[in-house]
Amino acid sequence: MDTAALADRVEGALRVNRVFGEPVTVDGVTVIPVSHVGGGAGGGSGRELPAGGEKTTGRPAGEGAGGGLGWTGHPCGVVVLRDGQVRWLPALDVNRLVSAAALVLVVGALTVRSIARPRS
């Protein structure tokens, strides 16, 4: 895959509709989901070694590298449109909340241990 094709795939993958979802309207209330999206891409190249550079497989030897792309996303919240008013409702990131609680518990346990340890 050439660089232009890879760039086209990245552009297609990171479109605005990956950040702002399709609006949903029910009973006069419109909800637009919003997410945080990030991604990246990389490319590579290759070359064939000069004649006589065969490896032990008996095939002509070459060197090369590949490429690829990837992205990730997580929900941020929703925009709610009701009666001409716009309201932002953030999403609760449970994974981040659990990680923070675990970190606080570990730091607290280490602090208590260092204070309670008898001095020798």
PDB file of N, CA and C in Angstrom:
ATOM      1  N   MET A   1       0.855  -1.173   0.000  1.00  0.00           N
ATOM      2  CA  MET A   1       0.000   0.000   0.000  1.00  0.00           C
ATOM      3  C   MET A   1       0.896   1.230   0.000  1.00  0.00           C
ATOM      4  N   ASP A   2       0.577   2.157  -0.895  1.00  0.00           N
ATOM      5  CA  ASP A   2       1.397   3.360  -0.962  1.00  0.00           C
ATOM      6  C   ASP A   2       0.951   4.383   0.080  1.00  0.00           C
ATOM      7  N   THR A   3       1.734   5.420   0.217  1.00  0.00           N
ATOM      8  CA  THR A   3       1.490   6.423   1.248  1.00  0.00           C
ATOM      9  C   THR A   3       0.159   7.147   1.050  1.00  0.00           C
ATOM     10  N   ALA A   4      -0.195   7.442  -0.206  1.00  0.00           N
ATOM     11  CA  ALA A   4      -1.450   8.154  -0.475  1.00  0.00           C
ATOM     12  C   ALA A   4      -2.650   7.309  -0.062  1.00  0.00           C
ATOM     13  N   ALA A   5      -2.604   6.018  -0.355  1.00  0.00           N
ATOM     14  CA  ALA A   5      -3.710   5.132   0.025  1.00  0.00           C
ATOM     15  C   ALA A   5      -3.810   5.031   1.545  1.00  0.00           C
ATOM     16  N   LEU A   6      -2.676   4.972   2.218  1.00  0.00           N
ATOM     17  CA  LEU A   6      -2.673   4.919   3.676  1.00  0.00           C
ATOM     18  C   LEU A   6      -3.244   6.209   4.265  1.00  0.00           C
ATOM     19  N   ALA A   7      -2.876   7.346   3.693  1.00  0.00           N
ATOM     20  CA  ALA A   7      -3.407   8.627   4.169  1.00  0.00           C
ATOM     21  C   ALA A   7      -4.914   8.697   3.963  1.00  0.00           C
ATOM     22  N   ASP A   8      -5.402   8.163   2.838  1.00  0.00           N
ATOM     23  CA  ASP A   8      -6.851   8.131   2.593  1.00  0.00           C
ATOM     24  C   ASP A   8      -7.560   7.271   3.630  1.00  0.00           C
ATOM     25  N   ARG A   9      -6.979   6.154   4.005  1.00  0.00           N
ATOM     26  CA  ARG A   9      -7.594   5.286   5.013  1.00  0.00           C
ATOM     27  C   ARG A   9      -7.617   5.965   6.378  1.00  0.00           C
ATOM     28  N   VAL A  10      -6.553   6.697   6.709  1.00  0.00           N
ATOM     29  CA  VAL A  10      -6.522   7.420   7.983  1.00  0.00           C
ATOM     30  C   VAL A  10      -7.595   8.496   7.992  1.00  0.00           C
ATOM     31  N   GLU A  11      -7.699   9.239   6.904  1.00  0.00           N
ATOM     32  CA  GLU A  11      -8.710  10.296   6.818  1.00  0.00           C
ATOM     33  C   GLU A  11     -10.113   9.716   6.952  1.00  0.00           C
ATOM     34  N   GLY A  12     -10.354   8.584   6.311  1.00  0.00           N
ATOM     35  CA  GLY A  12     -11.662   7.941   6.414  1.00  0.00           C
ATOM     36  C   GLY A  12     -11.943   7.423   7.809  1.00  0.00           C
ATOM     37  N   ALA A  13     -10.917   6.973   8.494  1.00  0.00           N
ATOM     38  CA  ALA A  13     -11.107   6.408   9.832  1.00  0.00           C
ATOM     39  C   ALA A  13     -11.335   7.483  10.883  1.00  0.00           C
ATOM     40  N   LEU A  14     -10.782   8.661  10.683  1.00  0.00           N
ATOM     41  CA  LEU A  14     -10.861   9.707  11.695  1.00  0.00           C
ATOM     42  C   LEU A  14     -11.791  10.845  11.264  1.00  0.00           C
ATOM     43  N   ARG A  15     -12.886  10.505  10.641  1.00  0.00           N
ATOM     44  CA  ARG A  15     -13.876  11.501  10.234  1.00  0.00           C
ATOM     45  C   ARG A  15     -14.573  12.083  11.453  1.00  0.00           C
ATOM     46  N   VAL A  16     -15.250  13.218  11.237  1.00  0.00           N
ATOM     47  CA  VAL A  16     -15.932  13.890  12.328  1.00  0.00           C
ATOM     48  C   VAL A  16     -17.059  13.033  12.894  1.00  0.00           C
ATOM     49  N   ASN A  17     -17.680  12.171  12.081  1.00  0.00           N
ATOM     50  CA  ASN A  17     -18.768  11.356  12.622  1.00  0.00           C
ATOM     51  C   ASN A  17     -18.260  10.262  13.551  1.00  0.00           C
ATOM     52  N   ARG A  18     -16.954  10.117  13.678  1.00  0.00           N
ATOM     53  CA  ARG A  18     -16.406   9.231  14.703  1.00  0.00           C
ATOM     54  C   ARG A  18     -16.381   9.948  16.056  1.00  0.00           C
ATOM     55  N   VAL A  19     -16.423  11.288  16.039  1.00  0.00           N
ATOM     56  CA  VAL A  19     -16.416  12.085  17.258  1.00  0.00           C
ATOM     57  C   VAL A  19     -17.847  12.424  17.661  1.00  0.00           C
ATOM     58  N   PHE A  20     -18.611  12.937  16.708  1.00  0.00           N
ATOM     59  CA  PHE A  20     -20.013  13.264  16.942  1.00  0.00           C
ATOM     60  C   PHE A  20     -20.863  12.189  16.290  1.00  0.00           C
ATOM     61  N   GLY A  21     -21.591  11.439  17.101  1.00  0.00           N
ATOM     62  CA  GLY A  21     -22.440  10.381  16.578  1.00  0.00           C
ATOM     63  C   GLY A  21     -23.691  10.941  15.918  1.00  0.00           C
ATOM     64  N   GLU A  22     -24.481  10.057  15.364  1.00  0.00           N
ATOM     65  CA  GLU A  22     -25.721  10.460  14.727  1.00  0.00           C
ATOM     66  C   GLU A  22     -26.700  10.978  15.781  1.00  0.00           C
ATOM     67  N   PRO A  23     -27.306  12.147  15.541  1.00  0.00           N
ATOM     68  CA  PRO A  23     -28.283  12.672  16.499  1.00  0.00           C
ATOM     69  C   PRO A  23     -29.509  11.764  16.583  1.00  0.00           C
ATOM     70  N   VAL A  24     -30.039  11.627  17.778  1.00  0.00           N
ATOM     71  CA  VAL A  24     -31.250  10.836  18.021  1.00  0.00           C
ATOM     72  C   VAL A  24     -32.295  11.787  18.605  1.00  0.00           C
ATOM     73  N   THR A  25     -33.475  11.836  17.982  1.00  0.00           N
ATOM     74  CA  THR A  25     -34.540  12.711  18.453  1.00  0.00           C
ATOM     75  C   THR A  25     -35.736  11.878  18.900  1.00  0.00           C
ATOM     76  N   VAL A  26     -36.165  12.080  20.136  1.00  0.00           N
ATOM     77  CA  VAL A  26     -37.330  11.396  20.702  1.00  0.00           C
ATOM     78  C   VAL A  26     -38.120  12.416  21.520  1.00  0.00           C
ATOM     79  N   ASP A  27     -39.399  12.530  21.249  1.00  0.00           N
ATOM     80  CA  ASP A  27     -40.293  13.432  21.987  1.00  0.00           C
ATOM     81  C   ASP A  27     -39.766  14.862  22.058  1.00  0.00           C
ATOM     82  N   GLY A  28     -39.205  15.357  20.968  1.00  0.00           N
ATOM     83  CA  GLY A  28     -38.730  16.734  20.916  1.00  0.00           C
ATOM     84  C   GLY A  28     -37.383  16.972  21.566  1.00  0.00           C
ATOM     85  N   VAL A  29     -36.738  15.938  22.051  1.00  0.00           N
ATOM     86  CA  VAL A  29     -35.409  16.056  22.656  1.00  0.00           C
ATOM     87  C   VAL A  29     -34.397  15.403  21.725  1.00  0.00           C
ATOM     88  N   THR A  30     -33.353  16.161  21.362  1.00  0.00           N
ATOM     89  CA  THR A  30     -32.305  15.637  20.489  1.00  0.00           C
ATOM     90  C   THR A  30     -31.056  15.386  21.319  1.00  0.00           C
ATOM     91  N   VAL A  31     -30.497  14.195  21.170  1.00  0.00           N
ATOM     92  CA  VAL A  31     -29.277  13.804  21.880  1.00  0.00           C
ATOM     93  C   VAL A  31     -28.195  13.518  20.840  1.00  0.00           C
ATOM     94  N   ILE A  32     -27.029  14.158  21.016  1.00  0.00           N
ATOM     95  CA  ILE A  32     -25.889  13.950  20.110  1.00  0.00           C
ATOM     96  C   ILE A  32     -24.745  13.374  20.932  1.00  0.00           C
ATOM     97  N   PRO A  33     -24.385  12.097  20.695  1.00  0.00           N
ATOM     98  CA  PRO A  33     -23.258  11.517  21.432  1.00  0.00           C
ATOM     99  C   PRO A  33     -21.921  12.094  20.958  1.00  0.00           C
ATOM    100  N   VAL A  34     -20.997  12.293  21.912  1.00  0.00           N
ATOM    101  CA  VAL A  34     -19.682  12.861  21.623  1.00  0.00           C
ATOM    102  C   VAL A  34     -18.626  11.931  22.205  1.00  0.00           C
ATOM    103  N   SER A  35     -17.566  11.692  21.434  1.00  0.00           N
ATOM    104  CA  SER A  35     -16.485  10.839  21.924  1.00  0.00           C
ATOM    105  C   SER A  35     -15.135  11.470  21.620  1.00  0.00           C
ATOM    106  N   HIS A  36     -14.130  10.996  22.300  1.00  0.00           N
ATOM    107  CA  HIS A  36     -12.742  11.426  22.062  1.00  0.00           C
ATOM    108  C   HIS A  36     -12.101  10.364  21.193  1.00  0.00           C
ATOM    109  N   VAL A  37     -11.545  10.773  20.053  1.00  0.00           N
ATOM    110  CA  VAL A  37     -10.959   9.828  19.107  1.00  0.00           C
ATOM    111  C   VAL A  37      -9.518  10.234  18.845  1.00  0.00           C
ATOM    112  N   GLY A  38      -8.642   9.262  18.838  1.00  0.00           N
ATOM    113  CA  GLY A  38      -7.245   9.501  18.500  1.00  0.00           C
ATOM    114  C   GLY A  38      -6.734   8.366  17.650  1.00  0.00           C
ATOM    115  N   GLY A  39      -5.749   8.638  16.854  1.00  0.00           N
ATOM    116  CA  GLY A  39      -5.231   7.589  15.995  1.00  0.00           C
ATOM    117  C   GLY A  39      -3.867   7.932  15.453  1.00  0.00           C
ATOM    118  N   GLY A  40      -3.343   7.008  14.711  1.00  0.00           N
ATOM    119  CA  GLY A  40      -2.042   7.215  14.101  1.00  0.00           C
ATOM    120  C   GLY A  40      -1.818   6.235  12.977  1.00  0.00           C
ATOM    121  N   ALA A  41      -0.809   6.507  12.209  1.00  0.00           N
ATOM    122  CA  ALA A  41      -0.482   5.655  11.076  1.00  0.00           C
ATOM    123  C   ALA A  41       1.023   5.658  10.865  1.00  0.00           C
ATOM    124  N   GLY A  42       1.483   4.635  10.222  1.00  0.00           N
ATOM    125  CA  GLY A  42       2.896   4.536   9.901  1.00  0.00           C
ATOM    126  C   GLY A  42       3.082   3.821   8.590  1.00  0.00           C
ATOM    127  N   GLY A  43       4.170   4.044   7.962  1.00  0.00           N
ATOM    128  CA  GLY A  43       4.450   3.419   6.675  1.00  0.00           C
ATOM    129  C   GLY A  43       5.811   2.768   6.686  1.00  0.00           C
ATOM    130  N   GLY A  44       6.114   2.096   5.618  1.00  0.00           N
ATOM    131  CA  GLY A  44       7.389   1.411   5.542  1.00  0.00           C
ATOM    132  C   GLY A  44       7.893   1.345   4.130  1.00  0.00           C
ATOM    133  N   SER A  45       8.976   0.630   3.970  1.00  0.00           N
ATOM    134  CA  SER A  45       9.562   0.466   2.647  1.00  0.00           C
ATOM    135  C   SER A  45      10.350  -0.829   2.618  1.00  0.00           C
ATOM    136  N   GLY A  46      10.855  -1.160   1.458  1.00  0.00           N
ATOM    137  CA  GLY A  46      11.638  -2.378   1.334  1.00  0.00           C
ATOM    138  C   GLY A  46      12.613  -2.284   0.178  1.00  0.00           C
ATOM    139  N   ARG A  47      13.525  -3.232   0.156  1.00  0.00           N
ATOM    140  CA  ARG A  47      14.478  -3.283  -0.958  1.00  0.00           C
ATOM    141  C   ARG A  47      14.981  -4.705  -1.099  1.00  0.00           C
ATOM    142  N   GLU A  48      15.350  -5.036  -2.301  1.00  0.00           N
ATOM    143  CA  GLU A  48      15.914  -6.346  -2.585  1.00  0.00           C
ATOM    144  C   GLU A  48      17.426  -6.246  -2.482  1.00  0.00           C
ATOM    145  N   LEU A  49      18.041  -7.251  -1.868  1.00  0.00           N
ATOM    146  CA  LEU A  49      19.495  -7.246  -1.736  1.00  0.00           C
ATOM    147  C   LEU A  49      20.132  -7.602  -3.076  1.00  0.00           C
ATOM    148  N   PRO A  50      21.379  -7.161  -3.303  1.00  0.00           N
ATOM    149  CA  PRO A  50      22.057  -7.464  -4.577  1.00  0.00           C
ATOM    150  C   PRO A  50      22.192  -8.966  -4.791  1.00  0.00           C
ATOM    151  N   ALA A  51      22.429  -9.353  -6.032  1.00  0.00           N
ATOM    152  CA  ALA A  51      22.597 -10.769  -6.376  1.00  0.00           C
ATOM    153  C   ALA A  51      23.669 -11.397  -5.501  1.00  0.00           C
ATOM    154  N   GLY A  52      23.459 -12.648  -5.156  1.00  0.00           N
ATOM    155  CA  GLY A  52      24.398 -13.350  -4.301  1.00  0.00           C
ATOM    156  C   GLY A  52      24.108 -13.125  -2.827  1.00  0.00           C
ATOM    157  N   GLY A  53      23.074 -12.389  -2.506  1.00  0.00           N
ATOM    158  CA  GLY A  53      22.741 -12.108  -1.123  1.00  0.00           C
ATOM    159  C   GLY A  53      21.632 -13.010  -0.611  1.00  0.00           C
ATOM    160  N   GLU A  54      21.488 -14.228  -1.230  1.00  0.00           N
ATOM    161  CA  GLU A  54      20.423 -15.121  -0.793  1.00  0.00           C
ATOM    162  C   GLU A  54      20.638 -15.564   0.643  1.00  0.00           C
ATOM    163  N   LYS A  55      19.552 -15.737   1.324  1.00  0.00           N
ATOM    164  CA  LYS A  55      19.620 -16.270   2.681  1.00  0.00           C
ATOM    165  C   LYS A  55      19.625 -17.785   2.606  1.00  0.00           C
ATOM    166  N   THR A  56      19.589 -18.432   3.728  1.00  0.00           N
ATOM    167  CA  THR A  56      19.654 -19.896   3.759  1.00  0.00           C
ATOM    168  C   THR A  56      18.423 -20.558   3.153  1.00  0.00           C
ATOM    169  N   THR A  57      17.348 -19.819   2.892  1.00  0.00           N
ATOM    170  CA  THR A  57      16.141 -20.404   2.320  1.00  0.00           C
ATOM    171  C   THR A  57      16.289 -20.657   0.831  1.00  0.00           C
ATOM    172  N   GLY A  58      17.289 -20.077   0.192  1.00  0.00           N
ATOM    173  CA  GLY A  58      17.473 -20.256  -1.234  1.00  0.00           C
ATOM    174  C   GLY A  58      16.704 -19.248  -2.069  1.00  0.00           C
ATOM    175  N   ARG A  59      15.892 -18.448  -1.432  1.00  0.00           N
ATOM    176  CA  ARG A  59      15.131 -17.420  -2.152  1.00  0.00           C
ATOM    177  C   ARG A  59      15.936 -16.136  -2.173  1.00  0.00           C
ATOM    178  N   PRO A  60      15.672 -15.246  -3.140  1.00  0.00           N
ATOM    179  CA  PRO A  60      16.352 -13.949  -3.128  1.00  0.00           C
ATOM    180  C   PRO A  60      16.037 -13.219  -1.825  1.00  0.00           C
ATOM    181  N   ALA A  61      17.050 -12.633  -1.252  1.00  0.00           N
ATOM    182  CA  ALA A  61      16.880 -11.966   0.039  1.00  0.00           C
ATOM    183  C   ALA A  61      16.472 -10.521  -0.152  1.00  0.00           C
ATOM    184  N   GLY A  62      15.779 -10.013   0.811  1.00  0.00           N
ATOM    185  CA  GLY A  62      15.373  -8.621   0.783  1.00  0.00           C
ATOM    186  C   GLY A  62      15.142  -8.131   2.200  1.00  0.00           C
ATOM    187  N   GLU A  63      15.030  -6.861   2.311  1.00  0.00           N
ATOM    188  CA  GLU A  63      14.751  -6.251   3.594  1.00  0.00           C
ATOM    189  C   GLU A  63      13.535  -5.365   3.427  1.00  0.00           C
ATOM    190  N   GLY A  64      12.730  -5.298   4.436  1.00  0.00           N
ATOM    191  CA  GLY A  64      11.561  -4.441   4.309  1.00  0.00           C
ATOM    192  C   GLY A  64      10.874  -4.217   5.632  1.00  0.00           C
ATOM    193  N   ALA A  65       9.962  -3.323   5.575  1.00  0.00           N
ATOM    194  CA  ALA A  65       9.169  -2.989   6.751  1.00  0.00           C
ATOM    195  C   ALA A  65       7.748  -2.703   6.292  1.00  0.00           C
ATOM    196  N   GLY A  66       6.818  -2.871   7.192  1.00  0.00           N
ATOM    197  CA  GLY A  66       5.418  -2.679   6.842  1.00  0.00           C
ATOM    198  C   GLY A  66       4.859  -1.388   7.399  1.00  0.00           C
ATOM    199  N   GLY A  67       3.572  -1.315   7.382  1.00  0.00           N
ATOM    200  CA  GLY A  67       2.903  -0.124   7.872  1.00  0.00           C
ATOM    201  C   GLY A  67       1.523  -0.486   8.382  1.00  0.00           C
ATOM    202  N   GLY A  68       0.872   0.454   8.942  1.00  0.00           N
ATOM    203  CA  GLY A  68      -0.475   0.208   9.419  1.00  0.00           C
ATOM    204  C   GLY A  68      -1.065   1.447  10.044  1.00  0.00           C
ATOM    205  N   LEU A  69      -2.297   1.275  10.499  1.00  0.00           N
ATOM    206  CA  LEU A  69      -2.944   2.384  11.164  1.00  0.00           C
ATOM    207  C   LEU A  69      -3.840   1.852  12.257  1.00  0.00           C
ATOM    208  N   GLY A  70      -4.128   2.688  13.196  1.00  0.00           N
ATOM    209  CA  GLY A  70      -5.007   2.301  14.284  1.00  0.00           C
ATOM    210  C   GLY A  70      -5.597   3.524  14.937  1.00  0.00           C
ATOM    211  N   TRP A  71      -6.693   3.320  15.622  1.00  0.00           N
ATOM    212  CA  TRP A  71      -7.317   4.416  16.343  1.00  0.00           C
ATOM    213  C   TRP A  71      -8.051   3.871  17.543  1.00  0.00           C
ATOM    214  N   THR A  72      -8.366   4.764  18.426  1.00  0.00           N
ATOM    215  CA  THR A  72      -9.091   4.404  19.625  1.00  0.00           C
ATOM    216  C   THR A  72     -10.062   5.529  19.954  1.00  0.00           C
ATOM    217  N   GLY A  73     -11.030   5.229  20.752  1.00  0.00           N
ATOM    218  CA  GLY A  73     -11.983   6.258  21.137  1.00  0.00           C
ATOM    219  C   GLY A  73     -12.699   5.863  22.415  1.00  0.00           C
ATOM    220  N   HIS A  74     -13.185   6.840  23.119  1.00  0.00           N
ATOM    221  CA  HIS A  74     -13.993   6.574  24.304  1.00  0.00           C
ATOM    222  C   HIS A  74     -15.034   7.680  24.438  1.00  0.00           C
ATOM    223  N   PRO A  75     -16.180   7.359  24.998  1.00  0.00           N
ATOM    224  CA  PRO A  75     -17.245   8.350  25.092  1.00  0.00           C
ATOM    225  C   PRO A  75     -16.894   9.485  26.050  1.00  0.00           C
ATOM    226  N   CYS A  76     -17.261  10.699  25.669  1.00  0.00           N
ATOM    227  CA  CYS A  76     -17.061  11.874  26.523  1.00  0.00           C
ATOM    228  C   CYS A  76     -18.365  12.320  27.157  1.00  0.00           C
ATOM    229  N   GLY A  77     -19.464  12.159  26.437  1.00  0.00           N
ATOM    230  CA  GLY A  77     -20.752  12.595  26.955  1.00  0.00           C
ATOM    231  C   GLY A  77     -21.737  12.800  25.827  1.00  0.00           C
ATOM    232  N   VAL A  78     -22.791  13.565  26.101  1.00  0.00           N
ATOM    233  CA  VAL A  78     -23.799  13.850  25.086  1.00  0.00           C
ATOM    234  C   VAL A  78     -24.189  15.324  25.161  1.00  0.00           C
ATOM    235  N   VAL A  79     -24.572  15.861  24.016  1.00  0.00           N
ATOM    236  CA  VAL A  79     -25.148  17.185  23.928  1.00  0.00           C
ATOM    237  C   VAL A  79     -26.658  16.973  23.838  1.00  0.00           C
ATOM    238  N   VAL A  80     -27.413  17.605  24.732  1.00  0.00           N
ATOM    239  CA  VAL A  80     -28.867  17.456  24.749  1.00  0.00           C
ATOM    240  C   VAL A  80     -29.501  18.779  24.331  1.00  0.00           C
ATOM    241  N   LEU A  81     -30.340  18.735  23.300  1.00  0.00           N
ATOM    242  CA  LEU A  81     -31.073  19.906  22.816  1.00  0.00           C
ATOM    243  C   LEU A  81     -32.539  19.719  23.170  1.00  0.00           C
ATOM    244  N   ARG A  82     -33.066  20.636  24.018  1.00  0.00           N
ATOM    245  CA  ARG A  82     -34.465  20.539  24.446  1.00  0.00           C
ATOM    246  C   ARG A  82     -35.020  21.954  24.605  1.00  0.00           C
ATOM    247  N   ASP A  83     -36.114  22.208  23.967  1.00  0.00           N
ATOM    248  CA  ASP A  83     -36.808  23.497  24.078  1.00  0.00           C
ATOM    249  C   ASP A  83     -35.883  24.685  23.827  1.00  0.00           C
ATOM    250  N   GLY A  84     -35.038  24.610  22.831  1.00  0.00           N
ATOM    251  CA  GLY A  84     -34.129  25.699  22.498  1.00  0.00           C
ATOM    252  C   GLY A  84     -32.945  25.832  23.436  1.00  0.00           C
ATOM    253  N   GLN A  85     -32.811  24.952  24.399  1.00  0.00           N
ATOM    254  CA  GLN A  85     -31.694  24.968  25.351  1.00  0.00           C
ATOM    255  C   GLN A  85     -30.704  23.867  24.988  1.00  0.00           C
ATOM    256  N   VAL A  86     -29.415  24.157  25.172  1.00  0.00           N
ATOM    257  CA  VAL A  86     -28.352  23.176  24.918  1.00  0.00           C
ATOM    258  C   VAL A  86     -27.718  22.830  26.257  1.00  0.00           C
ATOM    259  N   ARG A  87     -27.550  21.553  26.505  1.00  0.00           N
ATOM    260  CA  ARG A  87     -26.976  21.101  27.778  1.00  0.00           C
ATOM    261  C   ARG A  87     -25.938  20.015  27.509  1.00  0.00           C
ATOM    262  N   TRP A  88     -24.826  20.084  28.195  1.00  0.00           N
ATOM    263  CA  TRP A  88     -23.757  19.082  28.088  1.00  0.00           C
ATOM    264  C   TRP A  88     -23.850  18.138  29.278  1.00  0.00           C
ATOM    265  N   LEU A  89     -23.904  16.841  29.006  1.00  0.00           N
ATOM    266  CA  LEU A  89     -23.909  15.827  30.065  1.00  0.00           C
ATOM    267  C   LEU A  89     -22.683  14.936  29.876  1.00  0.00           C
ATOM    268  N   PRO A  90     -21.688  15.066  30.755  1.00  0.00           N
ATOM    269  CA  PRO A  90     -20.478  14.256  30.605  1.00  0.00           C
ATOM    270  C   PRO A  90     -20.739  12.784  30.908  1.00  0.00           C
ATOM    271  N   ALA A  91     -19.983  11.922  30.256  1.00  0.00           N
ATOM    272  CA  ALA A  91     -20.072  10.477  30.498  1.00  0.00           C
ATOM    273  C   ALA A  91     -19.175  10.118  31.670  1.00  0.00           C
ATOM    274  N   LEU A  92     -19.575   9.111  32.409  1.00  0.00           N
ATOM    275  CA  LEU A  92     -18.769   8.609  33.515  1.00  0.00           C
ATOM    276  C   LEU A  92     -17.853   7.525  32.972  1.00  0.00           C
ATOM    277  N   ASP A  93     -16.549   7.749  33.068  1.00  0.00           N
ATOM    278  CA  ASP A  93     -15.565   6.769  32.609  1.00  0.00           C
ATOM    279  C   ASP A  93     -15.244   5.843  33.779  1.00  0.00           C
ATOM    280  N   VAL A  94     -15.900   4.688  33.819  1.00  0.00           N
ATOM    281  CA  VAL A  94     -15.762   3.761  34.946  1.00  0.00           C
ATOM    282  C   VAL A  94     -14.337   3.234  35.052  1.00  0.00           C
ATOM    283  N   ASN A  95     -13.684   2.959  33.946  1.00  0.00           N
ATOM    284  CA  ASN A  95     -12.305   2.445  33.992  1.00  0.00           C
ATOM    285  C   ASN A  95     -11.369   3.451  34.654  1.00  0.00           C
ATOM    286  N   ARG A  96     -11.520   4.723  34.309  1.00  0.00           N
ATOM    287  CA  ARG A  96     -10.668   5.754  34.913  1.00  0.00           C
ATOM    288  C   ARG A  96     -10.976   5.904  36.398  1.00  0.00           C
ATOM    289  N   LEU A  97     -12.250   5.811  36.745  1.00  0.00           N
ATOM    290  CA  LEU A  97     -12.669   5.917  38.142  1.00  0.00           C
ATOM    291  C   LEU A  97     -12.098   4.768  38.978  1.00  0.00           C
ATOM    292  N   VAL A  98     -12.172   3.546  38.468  1.00  0.00           N
ATOM    293  CA  VAL A  98     -11.640   2.383  39.183  1.00  0.00           C
ATOM    294  C   VAL A  98     -10.119   2.486  39.309  1.00  0.00           C
ATOM    295  N   SER A  99      -9.445   2.924  38.261  1.00  0.00           N
ATOM    296  CA  SER A  99      -7.987   3.078  38.314  1.00  0.00           C
ATOM    297  C   SER A  99      -7.583   4.112  39.359  1.00  0.00           C
ATOM    298  N   ALA A 100      -8.291   5.232  39.413  1.00  0.00           N
ATOM    299  CA  ALA A 100      -7.979   6.270  40.398  1.00  0.00           C
ATOM    300  C   ALA A 100      -8.219   5.761  41.816  1.00  0.00           C
ATOM    301  N   ALA A 101      -9.317   5.044  42.028  1.00  0.00           N
ATOM    302  CA  ALA A 101      -9.604   4.502  43.360  1.00  0.00           C
ATOM    303  C   ALA A 101      -8.535   3.495  43.785  1.00  0.00           C
ATOM    304  N   ALA A 102      -8.097   2.654  42.859  1.00  0.00           N
ATOM    305  CA  ALA A 102      -7.047   1.680  43.174  1.00  0.00           C
ATOM    306  C   ALA A 102      -5.745   2.381  43.531  1.00  0.00           C
ATOM    307  N   LEU A 103      -5.416   3.438  42.801  1.00  0.00           N
ATOM    308  CA  LEU A 103      -4.189   4.187  43.088  1.00  0.00           C
ATOM    309  C   LEU A 103      -4.254   4.824  44.476  1.00  0.00           C
ATOM    310  N   VAL A 104      -5.396   5.407  44.824  1.00  0.00           N
ATOM    311  CA  VAL A 104      -5.558   6.014  46.140  1.00  0.00           C
ATOM    312  C   VAL A 104      -5.432   4.962  47.237  1.00  0.00           C
ATOM    313  N   LEU A 105      -6.021   3.785  47.032  1.00  0.00           N
ATOM    314  CA  LEU A 105      -5.923   2.713  48.028  1.00  0.00           C
ATOM    315  C   LEU A 105      -4.487   2.238  48.220  1.00  0.00           C
ATOM    316  N   VAL A 106      -3.761   2.070  47.134  1.00  0.00           N
ATOM    317  CA  VAL A 106      -2.369   1.607  47.232  1.00  0.00           C
ATOM    318  C   VAL A 106      -1.510   2.645  47.949  1.00  0.00           C
ATOM    319  N   VAL A 107      -1.652   3.917  47.570  1.00  0.00           N
ATOM    320  CA  VAL A 107      -0.870   4.975  48.225  1.00  0.00           C
ATOM    321  C   VAL A 107      -1.245   5.067  49.701  1.00  0.00           C
ATOM    322  N   GLY A 108      -2.538   4.954  50.009  1.00  0.00           N
ATOM    323  CA  GLY A 108      -2.978   4.990  51.409  1.00  0.00           C
ATOM    324  C   GLY A 108      -2.411   3.834  52.210  1.00  0.00           C
ATOM    325  N   ALA A 109      -2.428   2.628  51.636  1.00  0.00           N
ATOM    326  CA  ALA A 109      -1.889   1.458  52.332  1.00  0.00           C
ATOM    327  C   ALA A 109      -0.390   1.603  52.581  1.00  0.00           C
ATOM    328  N   LEU A 110       0.351   2.097  51.594  1.00  0.00           N
ATOM    329  CA  LEU A 110       1.791   2.286  51.767  1.00  0.00           C
ATOM    330  C   LEU A 110       2.085   3.368  52.819  1.00  0.00           C
ATOM    331  N   THR A 111       1.270   4.411  52.853  1.00  0.00           N
ATOM    332  CA  THR A 111       1.455   5.468  53.856  1.00  0.00           C
ATOM    333  C   THR A 111       1.199   4.944  55.257  1.00  0.00           C
ATOM    334  N   VAL A 112       0.112   4.216  55.423  1.00  0.00           N
ATOM    335  CA  VAL A 112      -0.218   3.651  56.743  1.00  0.00           C
ATOM    336  C   VAL A 112       0.881   2.678  57.183  1.00  0.00           C
ATOM    337  N   ARG A 113       1.375   1.872  56.253  1.00  0.00           N
ATOM    338  CA  ARG A 113       2.428   0.908  56.588  1.00  0.00           C
ATOM    339  C   ARG A 113       3.698   1.623  57.042  1.00  0.00           C
ATOM    340  N   SER A 114       4.053   2.705  56.346  1.00  0.00           N
ATOM    341  CA  SER A 114       5.295   3.406  56.725  1.00  0.00           C
ATOM    342  C   SER A 114       5.136   4.134  58.061  1.00  0.00           C
ATOM    343  N   ILE A 115       3.935   4.604  58.380  1.00  0.00           N
ATOM    344  CA  ILE A 115       3.716   5.283  59.667  1.00  0.00           C
ATOM    345  C   ILE A 115       3.649   4.267  60.805  1.00  0.00           C
ATOM    346  N   ALA A 116       2.997   3.135  60.571  1.00  0.00           N
ATOM    347  CA  ALA A 116       2.768   2.139  61.623  1.00  0.00           C
ATOM    348  C   ALA A 116       3.983   1.247  61.854  1.00  0.00           C
ATOM    349  N   ARG A 117       4.937   1.240  60.964  1.00  0.00           N
ATOM    350  CA  ARG A 117       6.120   0.381  61.116  1.00  0.00           C
ATOM    351  C   ARG A 117       6.918   0.816  62.352  1.00  0.00           C
ATOM    352  N   PRO A 118       7.196  -0.135  63.241  1.00  0.00           N
ATOM    353  CA  PRO A 118       7.983   0.237  64.437  1.00  0.00           C
ATOM    354  C   PRO A 118       9.401   0.661  64.052  1.00  0.00           C
ATOM    355  N   ARG A 119       9.886   1.661  64.733  1.00  0.00           N
ATOM    356  CA  ARG A 119      11.243   2.147  64.481  1.00  0.00           C
ATOM    357  C   ARG A 119      12.234   1.238  65.194  1.00  0.00           C
ATOM    358  N   SER A 120      13.218   0.755  64.449  1.00  0.00           N
ATOM    359  CA  SER A 120      14.223  -0.141  65.046  1.00  0.00           C
ATOM    360  C   SER A 120      15.484   0.600  65.399  1.00  0.00           C
TER     361      SER A 120
END
